[in-house]
Amino acid sequence: MIDREAFGPRVDAARLAIAGTRGLSSREQEAVVGICVTSEFSWPDFDRWQAFFAARRTFPARWEGLQVVPPAATPEASVYQHRKLDLLLEWLDMLAHRSTVLAHYARHGMRARIVRQQSGAGCSVCDPFHAREVGPHDDTMPPFHPGCRCVLLAARPRSRAG
């Protein structure tokens, strides 16, 4: 799992740097992103997931371009690191918002259910959780992996018999 405390300053700097690259040439964008994504940038959980999906030869939809780890110090490695950072930022945002979503549903007397956003071929990691109801004390909630497309949606209240 990501240590938000350790990555917080780097994530915030990366968000600002990437947002500030709009209007710059691709070479200038690459230089700014390179400042944020240095050779020191590592994400062991991501690397484990990459190996997991590679061993199964099936990757989630958001993993386009991440199927093979390119050699270091190549243009492909830079693109790979940028995509990896993008998934990290998305992962952290999803982790931060899931408790807010659950709290919102609880305030309105609703339960939450895990729903896969994409249609078509499923994800071997996510499929067992599709349509499962969760509560505020459940640890098994999306995102399940980097690039996870599962979300929490309100579940219809159970009808009361009698």
N, C-alpha and C. Protein backbone atom coordinates (compact mmCIF):
# COMPACT_ATOMS: atom_id res chain seq x y z
N MET A 1 0.83 -1.18 0.00
CA MET A 1 0.00 0.00 0.00
C MET A 1 0.88 1.25 0.00
N ILE A 2 0.39 2.32 -0.56
CA ILE A 2 1.14 3.57 -0.65
C ILE A 2 1.10 4.30 0.67
N ASP A 3 2.25 4.79 1.09
CA ASP A 3 2.35 5.62 2.27
C ASP A 3 2.09 7.05 1.83
N ARG A 4 0.88 7.54 2.07
CA ARG A 4 0.48 8.88 1.61
C ARG A 4 1.39 9.96 2.20
N GLU A 5 1.84 9.76 3.44
CA GLU A 5 2.71 10.74 4.07
C GLU A 5 4.02 10.89 3.30
N ALA A 6 4.59 9.76 2.89
CA ALA A 6 5.87 9.79 2.19
C ALA A 6 5.72 10.33 0.78
N PHE A 7 4.62 9.98 0.11
CA PHE A 7 4.44 10.39 -1.27
C PHE A 7 3.73 11.73 -1.41
N GLY A 8 3.10 12.20 -0.33
CA GLY A 8 2.30 13.42 -0.40
C GLY A 8 2.97 14.58 -1.10
N PRO A 9 4.14 15.03 -0.64
CA PRO A 9 4.79 16.17 -1.28
C PRO A 9 5.12 15.92 -2.76
N ARG A 10 5.57 14.72 -3.08
CA ARG A 10 5.90 14.41 -4.47
C ARG A 10 4.63 14.37 -5.33
N VAL A 11 3.57 13.80 -4.79
CA VAL A 11 2.31 13.74 -5.53
C VAL A 11 1.78 15.15 -5.79
N ASP A 12 1.80 15.99 -4.75
CA ASP A 12 1.31 17.36 -4.92
C ASP A 12 2.16 18.12 -5.93
N ALA A 13 3.45 17.96 -5.86
CA ALA A 13 4.35 18.62 -6.82
C ALA A 13 4.10 18.10 -8.23
N ALA A 14 3.89 16.81 -8.34
CA ALA A 14 3.63 16.22 -9.66
C ALA A 14 2.33 16.75 -10.25
N ARG A 15 1.28 16.81 -9.42
CA ARG A 15 -0.01 17.34 -9.89
C ARG A 15 0.15 18.76 -10.42
N LEU A 16 0.83 19.60 -9.63
CA LEU A 16 1.03 20.98 -10.05
C LEU A 16 1.87 21.07 -11.31
N ALA A 17 2.92 20.28 -11.35
CA ALA A 17 3.81 20.31 -12.51
C ALA A 17 3.09 19.85 -13.76
N ILE A 18 2.35 18.75 -13.65
CA ILE A 18 1.65 18.22 -14.82
C ILE A 18 0.55 19.18 -15.26
N ALA A 19 -0.20 19.74 -14.30
CA ALA A 19 -1.24 20.71 -14.65
C ALA A 19 -0.62 21.94 -15.30
N GLY A 20 0.58 22.32 -14.85
CA GLY A 20 1.24 23.49 -15.39
C GLY A 20 1.88 23.27 -16.74
N THR A 21 1.85 22.03 -17.25
CA THR A 21 2.49 21.77 -18.54
C THR A 21 1.55 22.02 -19.72
N ARG A 22 0.30 22.29 -19.47
CA ARG A 22 -0.62 22.55 -20.59
C ARG A 22 -0.11 23.76 -21.37
N GLY A 23 -0.04 23.63 -22.66
CA GLY A 23 0.44 24.72 -23.49
C GLY A 23 1.94 24.65 -23.76
N LEU A 24 2.65 23.76 -23.07
CA LEU A 24 4.07 23.57 -23.33
C LEU A 24 4.26 22.55 -24.44
N SER A 25 5.39 22.59 -25.07
CA SER A 25 5.69 21.58 -26.09
C SER A 25 5.87 20.23 -25.40
N SER A 26 5.78 19.16 -26.16
CA SER A 26 5.93 17.83 -25.56
C SER A 26 7.31 17.67 -24.93
N ARG A 27 8.33 18.27 -25.51
CA ARG A 27 9.68 18.20 -24.94
C ARG A 27 9.74 18.93 -23.60
N GLU A 28 9.08 20.09 -23.52
CA GLU A 28 9.05 20.84 -22.27
C GLU A 28 8.24 20.10 -21.21
N GLN A 29 7.12 19.50 -21.63
CA GLN A 29 6.32 18.71 -20.70
C GLN A 29 7.14 17.57 -20.14
N GLU A 30 7.87 16.90 -21.02
CA GLU A 30 8.71 15.78 -20.61
C GLU A 30 9.74 16.21 -19.57
N ALA A 31 10.31 17.39 -19.75
CA ALA A 31 11.31 17.89 -18.80
C ALA A 31 10.68 18.15 -17.43
N VAL A 32 9.47 18.74 -17.42
CA VAL A 32 8.79 19.03 -16.16
C VAL A 32 8.43 17.73 -15.45
N VAL A 33 7.86 16.79 -16.19
CA VAL A 33 7.47 15.52 -15.61
C VAL A 33 8.71 14.77 -15.13
N GLY A 34 9.81 14.89 -15.87
CA GLY A 34 11.05 14.24 -15.47
C GLY A 34 11.54 14.70 -14.12
N ILE A 35 11.25 15.93 -13.76
CA ILE A 35 11.62 16.44 -12.45
C ILE A 35 10.86 15.68 -11.37
N CYS A 36 9.59 15.37 -11.65
CA CYS A 36 8.74 14.68 -10.67
C CYS A 36 9.00 13.19 -10.65
N VAL A 37 9.25 12.63 -11.81
CA VAL A 37 9.44 11.18 -11.93
C VAL A 37 10.91 10.93 -12.19
N THR A 38 11.65 10.82 -11.13
CA THR A 38 13.08 10.59 -11.26
C THR A 38 13.36 9.11 -11.09
N SER A 39 14.61 8.76 -11.22
CA SER A 39 14.98 7.36 -11.03
C SER A 39 14.68 6.90 -9.60
N GLU A 40 14.48 7.85 -8.69
CA GLU A 40 14.15 7.51 -7.31
C GLU A 40 12.69 7.08 -7.17
N PHE A 41 11.86 7.41 -8.17
CA PHE A 41 10.44 7.09 -8.09
C PHE A 41 10.26 5.59 -8.20
N SER A 42 9.76 5.01 -7.13
CA SER A 42 9.45 3.59 -7.18
C SER A 42 8.10 3.39 -6.51
N TRP A 43 7.43 2.37 -6.93
CA TRP A 43 6.14 2.02 -6.38
C TRP A 43 6.07 0.51 -6.38
N PRO A 44 6.59 -0.12 -5.34
CA PRO A 44 6.67 -1.59 -5.31
C PRO A 44 5.33 -2.28 -5.55
N ASP A 45 4.23 -1.73 -5.01
CA ASP A 45 2.93 -2.36 -5.25
C ASP A 45 2.59 -2.36 -6.73
N PHE A 46 2.89 -1.26 -7.41
CA PHE A 46 2.65 -1.20 -8.85
C PHE A 46 3.46 -2.28 -9.55
N ASP A 47 4.72 -2.41 -9.17
CA ASP A 47 5.58 -3.40 -9.81
C ASP A 47 5.06 -4.82 -9.59
N ARG A 48 4.54 -5.08 -8.39
CA ARG A 48 3.95 -6.40 -8.13
C ARG A 48 2.70 -6.62 -9.00
N TRP A 49 1.87 -5.59 -9.13
CA TRP A 49 0.69 -5.72 -9.99
C TRP A 49 1.09 -5.91 -11.45
N GLN A 50 2.11 -5.19 -11.89
CA GLN A 50 2.57 -5.32 -13.27
C GLN A 50 3.01 -6.76 -13.52
N ALA A 51 3.76 -7.35 -12.59
CA ALA A 51 4.20 -8.74 -12.71
C ALA A 51 3.01 -9.70 -12.68
N PHE A 52 2.03 -9.41 -11.81
CA PHE A 52 0.83 -10.24 -11.70
C PHE A 52 0.08 -10.28 -13.04
N PHE A 53 -0.20 -9.10 -13.59
CA PHE A 53 -0.94 -9.05 -14.85
C PHE A 53 -0.11 -9.62 -16.00
N ALA A 54 1.19 -9.38 -16.01
CA ALA A 54 2.05 -9.91 -17.07
C ALA A 54 2.06 -11.44 -17.04
N ALA A 55 2.09 -12.03 -15.85
CA ALA A 55 2.09 -13.49 -15.73
C ALA A 55 0.79 -14.08 -16.27
N ARG A 56 -0.29 -13.34 -16.14
CA ARG A 56 -1.59 -13.81 -16.65
C ARG A 56 -1.86 -13.38 -18.08
N ARG A 57 -0.98 -12.56 -18.61
CA ARG A 57 -1.08 -12.04 -19.98
C ARG A 57 -2.41 -11.34 -20.23
N THR A 58 -2.91 -10.70 -19.20
CA THR A 58 -4.12 -9.91 -19.33
C THR A 58 -3.99 -8.69 -18.41
N PHE A 59 -4.26 -7.52 -18.98
CA PHE A 59 -4.10 -6.27 -18.26
C PHE A 59 -5.42 -5.50 -18.25
N PRO A 60 -5.69 -4.77 -17.17
CA PRO A 60 -6.89 -3.92 -17.15
C PRO A 60 -6.81 -2.84 -18.23
N ALA A 61 -7.95 -2.30 -18.59
CA ALA A 61 -8.03 -1.33 -19.68
C ALA A 61 -7.12 -0.12 -19.46
N ARG A 62 -7.01 0.37 -18.26
CA ARG A 62 -6.21 1.56 -17.98
C ARG A 62 -4.70 1.32 -18.07
N TRP A 63 -4.30 0.09 -18.34
CA TRP A 63 -2.88 -0.26 -18.39
C TRP A 63 -2.29 -0.21 -19.80
N GLU A 64 -2.95 0.45 -20.69
CA GLU A 64 -2.43 0.56 -22.06
C GLU A 64 -1.01 1.12 -22.01
N GLY A 65 -0.07 0.42 -22.64
CA GLY A 65 1.32 0.86 -22.68
C GLY A 65 2.15 0.43 -21.48
N LEU A 66 1.56 -0.32 -20.56
CA LEU A 66 2.28 -0.74 -19.36
C LEU A 66 2.49 -2.25 -19.30
N GLN A 67 2.21 -2.93 -20.41
CA GLN A 67 2.31 -4.38 -20.42
C GLN A 67 3.75 -4.88 -20.29
N VAL A 68 4.70 -4.08 -20.77
CA VAL A 68 6.11 -4.48 -20.74
C VAL A 68 6.91 -3.35 -20.09
N VAL A 69 7.77 -3.70 -19.15
CA VAL A 69 8.63 -2.71 -18.51
C VAL A 69 9.80 -2.44 -19.46
N PRO A 70 9.93 -1.21 -19.93
CA PRO A 70 11.01 -0.91 -20.88
C PRO A 70 12.36 -0.78 -20.19
N PRO A 71 13.44 -0.92 -20.95
CA PRO A 71 14.77 -0.72 -20.37
C PRO A 71 14.91 0.71 -19.86
N ALA A 72 15.68 0.87 -18.78
CA ALA A 72 15.90 2.20 -18.20
C ALA A 72 16.63 3.10 -19.19
N ALA A 73 16.47 4.40 -19.00
CA ALA A 73 17.16 5.43 -19.80
C ALA A 73 16.82 5.36 -21.28
N THR A 74 15.56 5.04 -21.57
CA THR A 74 15.08 5.06 -22.95
C THR A 74 13.86 5.97 -23.00
N PRO A 75 13.52 6.45 -24.19
CA PRO A 75 12.29 7.26 -24.29
C PRO A 75 11.05 6.49 -23.81
N GLU A 76 11.03 5.19 -24.06
CA GLU A 76 9.90 4.37 -23.63
C GLU A 76 9.81 4.32 -22.11
N ALA A 77 10.98 4.31 -21.44
CA ALA A 77 11.00 4.27 -19.98
C ALA A 77 10.39 5.54 -19.41
N SER A 78 10.65 6.66 -20.05
CA SER A 78 10.09 7.93 -19.60
C SER A 78 8.57 7.93 -19.73
N VAL A 79 8.07 7.44 -20.85
CA VAL A 79 6.61 7.35 -21.06
C VAL A 79 6.01 6.39 -20.03
N TYR A 80 6.68 5.28 -19.81
CA TYR A 80 6.22 4.29 -18.85
C TYR A 80 6.12 4.92 -17.45
N GLN A 81 7.16 5.64 -17.04
CA GLN A 81 7.15 6.28 -15.72
C GLN A 81 6.03 7.31 -15.61
N HIS A 82 5.79 8.04 -16.68
CA HIS A 82 4.71 9.03 -16.67
C HIS A 82 3.35 8.35 -16.49
N ARG A 83 3.12 7.26 -17.22
CA ARG A 83 1.86 6.51 -17.08
C ARG A 83 1.72 5.92 -15.68
N LYS A 84 2.85 5.45 -15.15
CA LYS A 84 2.87 4.88 -13.80
C LYS A 84 2.49 5.95 -12.78
N LEU A 85 3.03 7.14 -12.95
CA LEU A 85 2.70 8.25 -12.06
C LEU A 85 1.22 8.62 -12.20
N ASP A 86 0.71 8.62 -13.41
CA ASP A 86 -0.70 8.92 -13.64
C ASP A 86 -1.59 7.94 -12.88
N LEU A 87 -1.26 6.66 -12.93
CA LEU A 87 -2.04 5.66 -12.20
C LEU A 87 -1.88 5.83 -10.69
N LEU A 88 -0.70 6.24 -10.23
CA LEU A 88 -0.51 6.51 -8.81
C LEU A 88 -1.41 7.64 -8.34
N LEU A 89 -1.45 8.73 -9.09
CA LEU A 89 -2.29 9.87 -8.72
C LEU A 89 -3.77 9.47 -8.70
N GLU A 90 -4.19 8.72 -9.71
CA GLU A 90 -5.57 8.25 -9.77
C GLU A 90 -5.87 7.34 -8.58
N TRP A 91 -4.95 6.43 -8.27
CA TRP A 91 -5.09 5.49 -7.15
C TRP A 91 -5.28 6.24 -5.84
N LEU A 92 -4.42 7.22 -5.60
CA LEU A 92 -4.50 7.98 -4.36
C LEU A 92 -5.79 8.78 -4.26
N ASP A 93 -6.24 9.35 -5.37
CA ASP A 93 -7.51 10.08 -5.37
C ASP A 93 -8.67 9.15 -5.04
N MET A 94 -8.66 7.96 -5.64
CA MET A 94 -9.74 7.01 -5.38
C MET A 94 -9.73 6.55 -3.92
N LEU A 95 -8.55 6.30 -3.38
CA LEU A 95 -8.45 5.89 -1.98
C LEU A 95 -8.99 6.99 -1.06
N ALA A 96 -8.66 8.23 -1.38
CA ALA A 96 -9.09 9.35 -0.55
C ALA A 96 -10.59 9.56 -0.60
N HIS A 97 -11.22 9.26 -1.72
CA HIS A 97 -12.65 9.56 -1.88
C HIS A 97 -13.58 8.43 -1.47
N ARG A 98 -13.08 7.23 -1.33
CA ARG A 98 -14.01 6.13 -1.05
C ARG A 98 -14.68 6.27 0.31
N SER A 99 -13.98 6.75 1.33
CA SER A 99 -14.62 6.91 2.64
C SER A 99 -15.65 8.04 2.59
N THR A 100 -15.40 9.06 1.78
CA THR A 100 -16.36 10.15 1.62
C THR A 100 -17.63 9.64 0.96
N VAL A 101 -17.48 8.80 -0.04
CA VAL A 101 -18.63 8.23 -0.73
C VAL A 101 -19.45 7.37 0.23
N LEU A 102 -18.77 6.51 0.99
CA LEU A 102 -19.48 5.67 1.95
C LEU A 102 -20.21 6.51 3.00
N ALA A 103 -19.56 7.54 3.49
CA ALA A 103 -20.19 8.41 4.49
C ALA A 103 -21.43 9.11 3.91
N HIS A 104 -21.33 9.54 2.67
CA HIS A 104 -22.48 10.19 2.01
C HIS A 104 -23.67 9.22 1.94
N TYR A 105 -23.40 8.01 1.48
CA TYR A 105 -24.49 7.03 1.39
C TYR A 105 -25.07 6.73 2.77
N ALA A 106 -24.21 6.58 3.77
CA ALA A 106 -24.68 6.27 5.13
C ALA A 106 -25.56 7.39 5.67
N ARG A 107 -25.19 8.65 5.40
CA ARG A 107 -26.00 9.78 5.86
C ARG A 107 -27.41 9.74 5.28
N HIS A 108 -27.54 9.18 4.11
CA HIS A 108 -28.84 9.10 3.44
C HIS A 108 -29.51 7.74 3.61
N GLY A 109 -28.95 6.93 4.51
CA GLY A 109 -29.55 5.64 4.81
C GLY A 109 -29.41 4.62 3.70
N MET A 110 -28.42 4.79 2.87
CA MET A 110 -28.20 3.85 1.76
C MET A 110 -26.95 3.01 2.02
N ARG A 111 -26.97 1.84 1.42
CA ARG A 111 -25.78 1.00 1.44
C ARG A 111 -25.04 1.21 0.12
N ALA A 112 -23.81 0.73 0.05
CA ALA A 112 -23.02 0.87 -1.17
C ALA A 112 -22.71 -0.50 -1.76
N ARG A 113 -22.56 -0.49 -3.07
CA ARG A 113 -22.26 -1.72 -3.80
C ARG A 113 -21.09 -1.44 -4.73
N ILE A 114 -20.22 -2.43 -4.90
CA ILE A 114 -19.09 -2.32 -5.82
C ILE A 114 -19.60 -2.61 -7.23
N VAL A 115 -19.28 -1.73 -8.16
CA VAL A 115 -19.71 -1.89 -9.55
C VAL A 115 -18.52 -1.65 -10.46
N ARG A 116 -18.34 -2.54 -11.41
CA ARG A 116 -17.29 -2.40 -12.41
C ARG A 116 -17.79 -1.45 -13.49
N GLN A 117 -17.02 -0.41 -13.80
CA GLN A 117 -17.44 0.60 -14.76
C GLN A 117 -17.38 0.14 -16.20
N GLN A 118 -16.45 -0.72 -16.52
CA GLN A 118 -16.28 -1.08 -17.93
C GLN A 118 -17.15 -2.27 -18.31
N SER A 119 -17.51 -2.29 -19.57
CA SER A 119 -18.24 -3.45 -20.07
C SER A 119 -17.24 -4.32 -20.83
N GLY A 120 -17.67 -5.46 -21.25
CA GLY A 120 -16.77 -6.34 -21.99
C GLY A 120 -16.00 -7.24 -21.05
N ALA A 121 -14.79 -7.61 -21.49
CA ALA A 121 -13.97 -8.52 -20.70
C ALA A 121 -13.72 -7.96 -19.31
N GLY A 122 -13.90 -8.79 -18.32
CA GLY A 122 -13.73 -8.37 -16.95
C GLY A 122 -12.28 -8.45 -16.50
N CYS A 123 -12.07 -8.15 -15.27
CA CYS A 123 -10.74 -8.18 -14.66
C CYS A 123 -10.74 -9.33 -13.65
N SER A 124 -9.76 -10.20 -13.73
CA SER A 124 -9.71 -11.35 -12.83
C SER A 124 -9.61 -10.93 -11.37
N VAL A 125 -9.11 -9.75 -11.11
CA VAL A 125 -9.01 -9.25 -9.73
C VAL A 125 -10.35 -8.71 -9.27
N CYS A 126 -11.00 -7.93 -10.11
CA CYS A 126 -12.22 -7.22 -9.72
C CYS A 126 -13.49 -8.05 -9.81
N ASP A 127 -13.56 -8.97 -10.76
CA ASP A 127 -14.80 -9.71 -10.99
C ASP A 127 -15.41 -10.35 -9.74
N PRO A 128 -14.62 -10.93 -8.83
CA PRO A 128 -15.23 -11.53 -7.64
C PRO A 128 -15.94 -10.51 -6.73
N PHE A 129 -15.63 -9.23 -6.89
CA PHE A 129 -16.21 -8.21 -6.03
C PHE A 129 -17.39 -7.48 -6.66
N HIS A 130 -17.62 -7.68 -7.96
CA HIS A 130 -18.69 -6.99 -8.66
C HIS A 130 -20.03 -7.27 -8.00
N ALA A 131 -20.77 -6.22 -7.70
CA ALA A 131 -22.11 -6.25 -7.11
C ALA A 131 -22.10 -6.58 -5.61
N ARG A 132 -20.94 -6.72 -4.99
CA ARG A 132 -20.86 -6.98 -3.55
C ARG A 132 -21.19 -5.71 -2.78
N GLU A 133 -22.02 -5.85 -1.77
CA GLU A 133 -22.34 -4.71 -0.91
C GLU A 133 -21.24 -4.55 0.12
N VAL A 134 -20.96 -3.29 0.45
CA VAL A 134 -19.92 -2.99 1.44
C VAL A 134 -20.44 -2.00 2.46
N GLY A 135 -19.81 -2.02 3.61
CA GLY A 135 -20.16 -1.09 4.67
C GLY A 135 -18.94 -0.29 5.09
N PRO A 136 -19.13 0.61 6.05
CA PRO A 136 -18.04 1.50 6.45
C PRO A 136 -16.84 0.78 7.05
N HIS A 137 -17.02 -0.44 7.53
CA HIS A 137 -15.92 -1.15 8.17
C HIS A 137 -15.30 -2.22 7.28
N ASP A 138 -15.72 -2.30 6.03
CA ASP A 138 -15.13 -3.26 5.10
C ASP A 138 -13.78 -2.76 4.59
N ASP A 139 -12.84 -3.66 4.53
CA ASP A 139 -11.53 -3.33 3.97
C ASP A 139 -11.48 -3.61 2.48
N THR A 140 -12.38 -4.43 1.99
CA THR A 140 -12.38 -4.83 0.59
C THR A 140 -13.24 -3.87 -0.22
N MET A 141 -12.61 -2.79 -0.66
CA MET A 141 -13.30 -1.78 -1.47
C MET A 141 -12.36 -1.30 -2.56
N PRO A 142 -12.94 -0.85 -3.67
CA PRO A 142 -12.09 -0.32 -4.72
C PRO A 142 -11.38 0.95 -4.29
N PRO A 143 -10.26 1.22 -4.86
CA PRO A 143 -9.62 0.54 -5.98
C PRO A 143 -8.87 -0.70 -5.51
N PHE A 144 -9.01 -1.78 -6.27
CA PHE A 144 -8.36 -3.04 -5.93
C PHE A 144 -6.94 -3.11 -6.47
N HIS A 145 -6.67 -2.37 -7.51
CA HIS A 145 -5.34 -2.36 -8.13
C HIS A 145 -5.18 -1.04 -8.87
N PRO A 146 -3.96 -0.65 -9.20
CA PRO A 146 -3.78 0.57 -10.00
C PRO A 146 -4.57 0.45 -11.31
N GLY A 147 -5.26 1.52 -11.66
CA GLY A 147 -6.05 1.51 -12.88
C GLY A 147 -7.41 0.83 -12.72
N CYS A 148 -7.77 0.50 -11.50
CA CYS A 148 -9.05 -0.17 -11.24
C CYS A 148 -10.20 0.73 -11.71
N ARG A 149 -11.18 0.13 -12.36
CA ARG A 149 -12.33 0.87 -12.86
C ARG A 149 -13.58 0.59 -12.04
N CYS A 150 -13.42 -0.01 -10.88
CA CYS A 150 -14.57 -0.27 -10.01
C CYS A 150 -14.87 0.97 -9.16
N VAL A 151 -16.14 1.17 -8.89
CA VAL A 151 -16.58 2.30 -8.08
C VAL A 151 -17.61 1.81 -7.06
N LEU A 152 -17.91 2.68 -6.11
CA LEU A 152 -18.97 2.41 -5.15
C LEU A 152 -20.21 3.17 -5.59
N LEU A 153 -21.32 2.46 -5.71
CA LEU A 153 -22.60 3.07 -6.05
C LEU A 153 -23.62 2.73 -4.98
N ALA A 154 -24.63 3.56 -4.89
CA ALA A 154 -25.69 3.32 -3.91
C ALA A 154 -26.41 2.03 -4.27
N ALA A 155 -26.69 1.24 -3.25
CA ALA A 155 -27.44 0.01 -3.43
C ALA A 155 -28.89 0.28 -3.03
N ARG A 156 -29.80 -0.29 -3.76
CA ARG A 156 -31.20 -0.11 -3.41
C ARG A 156 -31.47 -0.73 -2.05
N PRO A 157 -32.29 -0.06 -1.27
CA PRO A 157 -32.63 -0.63 0.04
C PRO A 157 -33.35 -1.96 -0.15
N ARG A 158 -33.08 -2.88 0.75
CA ARG A 158 -33.77 -4.17 0.70
C ARG A 158 -35.24 -3.96 1.02
N SER A 159 -36.09 -4.63 0.27
CA SER A 159 -37.52 -4.50 0.56
C SER A 159 -37.84 -5.28 1.82
N ARG A 160 -38.76 -4.74 2.59
CA ARG A 160 -39.14 -5.39 3.84
C ARG A 160 -40.38 -6.25 3.58
N ALA A 161 -40.29 -7.48 3.95
CA ALA A 161 -41.41 -8.40 3.77
C ALA A 161 -42.42 -8.21 4.90
N GLY A 162 -43.68 -8.24 4.52
CA GLY A 162 -44.74 -8.28 5.50
C GLY A 162 -45.11 -7.00 5.96
